[in-house]
Amino acid sequence: MKKIQLIALILPLSILMVNCSSAGKGKSAYVEAKKISYETDIKPIITTSCTPCHMPPQGRKEPFQNYEQVKEHITAIIARVKLPQEDRKFMPPVNKKPALTNDQVAVLVQWQQQNMPQ
């Protein structure tokens, strides 16, 4: 009799534990699958961190004024913002703008991985 009671207790608990652990996995997969768009997510980062150097008429570098230009240069942008800050190619220049946060860099990377939706 005790054996049946023990099984009756263990079985629902094991089902509950399996569902709880898979629910956590589902949530993180949902967070990772968030769709990044140029207009909502990328443009504000570029506008804040890359002006005025990459925004004509003041800009003397590759222009990042619109979706097409940023899309064309996204690999180089990501490479430059990931460099150590003491590297002379690091962007944005330390004396002009603060470095992008890890979250901002992750958004750029995720956008590129999602084939850069507009």
C-alpha atoms as a PDB file:
ATOM      1  CA  MET A   1       0.000   0.000   0.000  1.00  0.00           C
ATOM      2  CA  LYS A   2       2.808   2.414   0.861  1.00  0.00           C
ATOM      3  CA  LYS A   3       4.414   1.618  -2.472  1.00  0.00           C
ATOM      4  CA  ILE A   4       1.299   2.736  -4.355  1.00  0.00           C
ATOM      5  CA  GLN A   5       1.069   5.942  -2.299  1.00  0.00           C
ATOM      6  CA  LEU A   6       4.718   6.689  -2.996  1.00  0.00           C
ATOM      7  CA  ILE A   7       4.245   6.184  -6.742  1.00  0.00           C
ATOM      8  CA  ALA A   8       1.092   8.314  -6.630  1.00  0.00           C
ATOM      9  CA  LEU A   9       3.142  11.110  -5.058  1.00  0.00           C
ATOM     10  CA  ILE A  10       6.286  10.768  -7.170  1.00  0.00           C
ATOM     11  CA  LEU A  11       4.547  10.587 -10.552  1.00  0.00           C
ATOM     12  CA  PRO A  12       2.791  14.002 -10.375  1.00  0.00           C
ATOM     13  CA  LEU A  13       5.916  15.613  -8.929  1.00  0.00           C
ATOM     14  CA  SER A  14       8.091  14.279 -11.730  1.00  0.00           C
ATOM     15  CA  ILE A  15       5.619  15.540 -14.346  1.00  0.00           C
ATOM     16  CA  LEU A  16       5.567  18.936 -12.651  1.00  0.00           C
ATOM     17  CA  MET A  17       9.362  19.114 -12.600  1.00  0.00           C
ATOM     18  CA  VAL A  18       9.644  18.214 -16.284  1.00  0.00           C
ATOM     19  CA  ASN A  19       7.079  20.869 -17.228  1.00  0.00           C
ATOM     20  CA  CYS A  20       8.752  23.523 -15.093  1.00  0.00           C
ATOM     21  CA  SER A  21      12.169  22.923 -16.594  1.00  0.00           C
ATOM     22  CA  SER A  22      10.839  22.939 -20.162  1.00  0.00           C
ATOM     23  CA  ALA A  23       8.855  26.116 -19.489  1.00  0.00           C
ATOM     24  CA  GLY A  24      12.083  27.907 -18.568  1.00  0.00           C
ATOM     25  CA  LYS A  25      13.681  26.691 -21.778  1.00  0.00           C
ATOM     26  CA  GLY A  26      10.701  27.869 -23.796  1.00  0.00           C
ATOM     27  CA  LYS A  27      10.904  31.314 -22.262  1.00  0.00           C
ATOM     28  CA  SER A  28      14.577  31.786 -23.067  1.00  0.00           C
ATOM     29  CA  ALA A  29      13.992  30.545 -26.602  1.00  0.00           C
ATOM     30  CA  TYR A  30      11.249  33.148 -26.921  1.00  0.00           C
ATOM     31  CA  VAL A  31      13.527  35.911 -25.664  1.00  0.00           C
ATOM     32  CA  GLU A  32      16.291  34.838 -28.046  1.00  0.00           C
ATOM     33  CA  ALA A  33      13.827  34.724 -30.952  1.00  0.00           C
ATOM     34  CA  LYS A  34      12.760  38.365 -30.549  1.00  0.00           C
ATOM     35  CA  LYS A  35      12.653  39.932 -33.976  1.00  0.00           C
ATOM     36  CA  ILE A  36      15.036  42.844 -34.300  1.00  0.00           C
ATOM     37  CA  SER A  37      14.205  45.529 -36.851  1.00  0.00           C
ATOM     38  CA  TYR A  38      16.255  48.350 -38.284  1.00  0.00           C
ATOM     39  CA  GLU A  39      13.693  51.066 -37.534  1.00  0.00           C
ATOM     40  CA  THR A  40      12.911  50.037 -33.967  1.00  0.00           C
ATOM     41  CA  ASP A  41      16.177  48.613 -32.666  1.00  0.00           C
ATOM     42  CA  ILE A  42      19.148  49.408 -34.904  1.00  0.00           C
ATOM     43  CA  LYS A  43      18.531  52.964 -36.076  1.00  0.00           C
ATOM     44  CA  PRO A  44      18.465  54.403 -32.517  1.00  0.00           C
ATOM     45  CA  ILE A  45      21.827  52.762 -31.725  1.00  0.00           C
ATOM     46  CA  ILE A  46      23.403  54.061 -34.940  1.00  0.00           C
ATOM     47  CA  THR A  47      21.923  57.532 -34.536  1.00  0.00           C
ATOM     48  CA  THR A  48      23.095  57.856 -30.925  1.00  0.00           C
ATOM     49  CA  SER A  49      26.533  56.304 -31.308  1.00  0.00           C
ATOM     50  CA  CYS A  50      27.626  57.109 -34.861  1.00  0.00           C
ATOM     51  CA  THR A  51      26.642  60.763 -35.342  1.00  0.00           C
ATOM     52  CA  PRO A  52      28.005  63.085 -36.551  1.00  0.00           C
ATOM     53  CA  CYS A  53      30.982  61.189 -38.005  1.00  0.00           C
ATOM     54  CA  HIS A  54      28.891  58.818 -40.135  1.00  0.00           C
ATOM     55  CA  MET A  55      26.031  61.202 -40.861  1.00  0.00           C
ATOM     56  CA  PRO A  56      26.575  63.601 -43.781  1.00  0.00           C
ATOM     57  CA  PRO A  57      27.089  66.487 -44.265  1.00  0.00           C
ATOM     58  CA  GLN A  58      29.421  66.486 -41.207  1.00  0.00           C
ATOM     59  CA  GLY A  59      30.449  62.885 -41.703  1.00  0.00           C
ATOM     60  CA  ARG A  60      33.722  62.094 -43.374  1.00  0.00           C
ATOM     61  CA  LYS A  61      33.401  58.334 -42.957  1.00  0.00           C
ATOM     62  CA  GLU A  62      31.170  55.720 -44.587  1.00  0.00           C
ATOM     63  CA  PRO A  63      27.644  57.083 -44.245  1.00  0.00           C
ATOM     64  CA  PHE A  64      25.209  55.214 -41.989  1.00  0.00           C
ATOM     65  CA  GLN A  65      22.198  57.409 -42.741  1.00  0.00           C
ATOM     66  CA  ASN A  66      19.765  54.698 -43.771  1.00  0.00           C
ATOM     67  CA  TYR A  67      18.921  51.018 -43.716  1.00  0.00           C
ATOM     68  CA  GLU A  68      20.825  50.142 -46.905  1.00  0.00           C
ATOM     69  CA  GLN A  69      24.035  51.809 -45.746  1.00  0.00           C
ATOM     70  CA  VAL A  70      23.973  50.209 -42.304  1.00  0.00           C
ATOM     71  CA  LYS A  71      23.098  46.817 -43.796  1.00  0.00           C
ATOM     72  CA  GLU A  72      26.021  47.094 -46.210  1.00  0.00           C
ATOM     73  CA  HIS A  73      28.494  47.843 -43.384  1.00  0.00           C
ATOM     74  CA  ILE A  74      27.064  45.783 -40.499  1.00  0.00           C
ATOM     75  CA  THR A  75      29.947  43.275 -40.451  1.00  0.00           C
ATOM     76  CA  ALA A  76      32.498  46.076 -40.154  1.00  0.00           C
ATOM     77  CA  ILE A  77      30.364  47.922 -37.586  1.00  0.00           C
ATOM     78  CA  ILE A  78      30.149  44.843 -35.356  1.00  0.00           C
ATOM     79  CA  ALA A  79      33.864  44.149 -35.723  1.00  0.00           C
ATOM     80  CA  ARG A  80      34.792  47.726 -34.742  1.00  0.00           C
ATOM     81  CA  VAL A  81      32.491  47.957 -31.698  1.00  0.00           C
ATOM     82  CA  LYS A  82      33.844  44.619 -30.413  1.00  0.00           C
ATOM     83  CA  LEU A  83      37.497  45.716 -30.502  1.00  0.00           C
ATOM     84  CA  PRO A  84      39.253  46.585 -27.237  1.00  0.00           C
ATOM     85  CA  GLN A  85      38.734  50.279 -26.457  1.00  0.00           C
ATOM     86  CA  GLU A  86      42.471  50.945 -26.614  1.00  0.00           C
ATOM     87  CA  ASP A  87      42.594  49.734 -30.249  1.00  0.00           C
ATOM     88  CA  ARG A  88      42.791  52.741 -32.568  1.00  0.00           C
ATOM     89  CA  LYS A  89      40.073  51.206 -34.795  1.00  0.00           C
ATOM     90  CA  PHE A  90      37.595  50.862 -31.914  1.00  0.00           C
ATOM     91  CA  MET A  91      34.274  52.620 -32.515  1.00  0.00           C
ATOM     92  CA  PRO A  92      32.913  54.935 -31.439  1.00  0.00           C
ATOM     93  CA  PRO A  93      36.068  56.881 -30.553  1.00  0.00           C
ATOM     94  CA  VAL A  94      36.403  56.970 -26.777  1.00  0.00           C
ATOM     95  CA  ASN A  95      36.940  60.736 -26.735  1.00  0.00           C
ATOM     96  CA  LYS A  96      33.703  61.368 -28.697  1.00  0.00           C
ATOM     97  CA  LYS A  97      31.037  58.902 -27.597  1.00  0.00           C
ATOM     98  CA  PRO A  98      30.606  56.201 -24.948  1.00  0.00           C
ATOM     99  CA  ALA A  99      31.200  52.609 -26.030  1.00  0.00           C
ATOM    100  CA  LEU A 100      28.192  50.514 -26.929  1.00  0.00           C
ATOM    101  CA  THR A 101      26.902  48.325 -24.132  1.00  0.00           C
ATOM    102  CA  ASN A 102      27.068  44.549 -24.388  1.00  0.00           C
ATOM    103  CA  ASP A 103      23.296  44.566 -24.916  1.00  0.00           C
ATOM    104  CA  GLN A 104      23.589  47.003 -27.823  1.00  0.00           C
ATOM    105  CA  VAL A 105      26.309  44.917 -29.441  1.00  0.00           C
ATOM    106  CA  ALA A 106      24.153  41.802 -28.967  1.00  0.00           C
ATOM    107  CA  VAL A 107      21.246  43.556 -30.721  1.00  0.00           C
ATOM    108  CA  LEU A 108      23.475  44.365 -33.714  1.00  0.00           C
ATOM    109  CA  VAL A 109      24.705  40.770 -33.870  1.00  0.00           C
ATOM    110  CA  GLN A 110      21.196  39.344 -33.540  1.00  0.00           C
ATOM    111  CA  TRP A 111      19.917  41.669 -36.279  1.00  0.00           C
ATOM    112  CA  GLN A 112      22.669  40.448 -38.594  1.00  0.00           C
ATOM    113  CA  GLN A 113      21.860  36.812 -37.729  1.00  0.00           C
ATOM    114  CA  GLN A 114      18.206  37.472 -38.564  1.00  0.00           C
ATOM    115  CA  ASN A 115      19.209  38.643 -42.065  1.00  0.00           C
ATOM    116  CA  MET A 116      18.794  42.335 -41.190  1.00  0.00           C
ATOM    117  CA  PRO A 117      15.044  42.938 -41.439  1.00  0.00           C
ATOM    118  CA  GLN A 118      13.985  46.485 -42.069  1.00  0.00           C
END
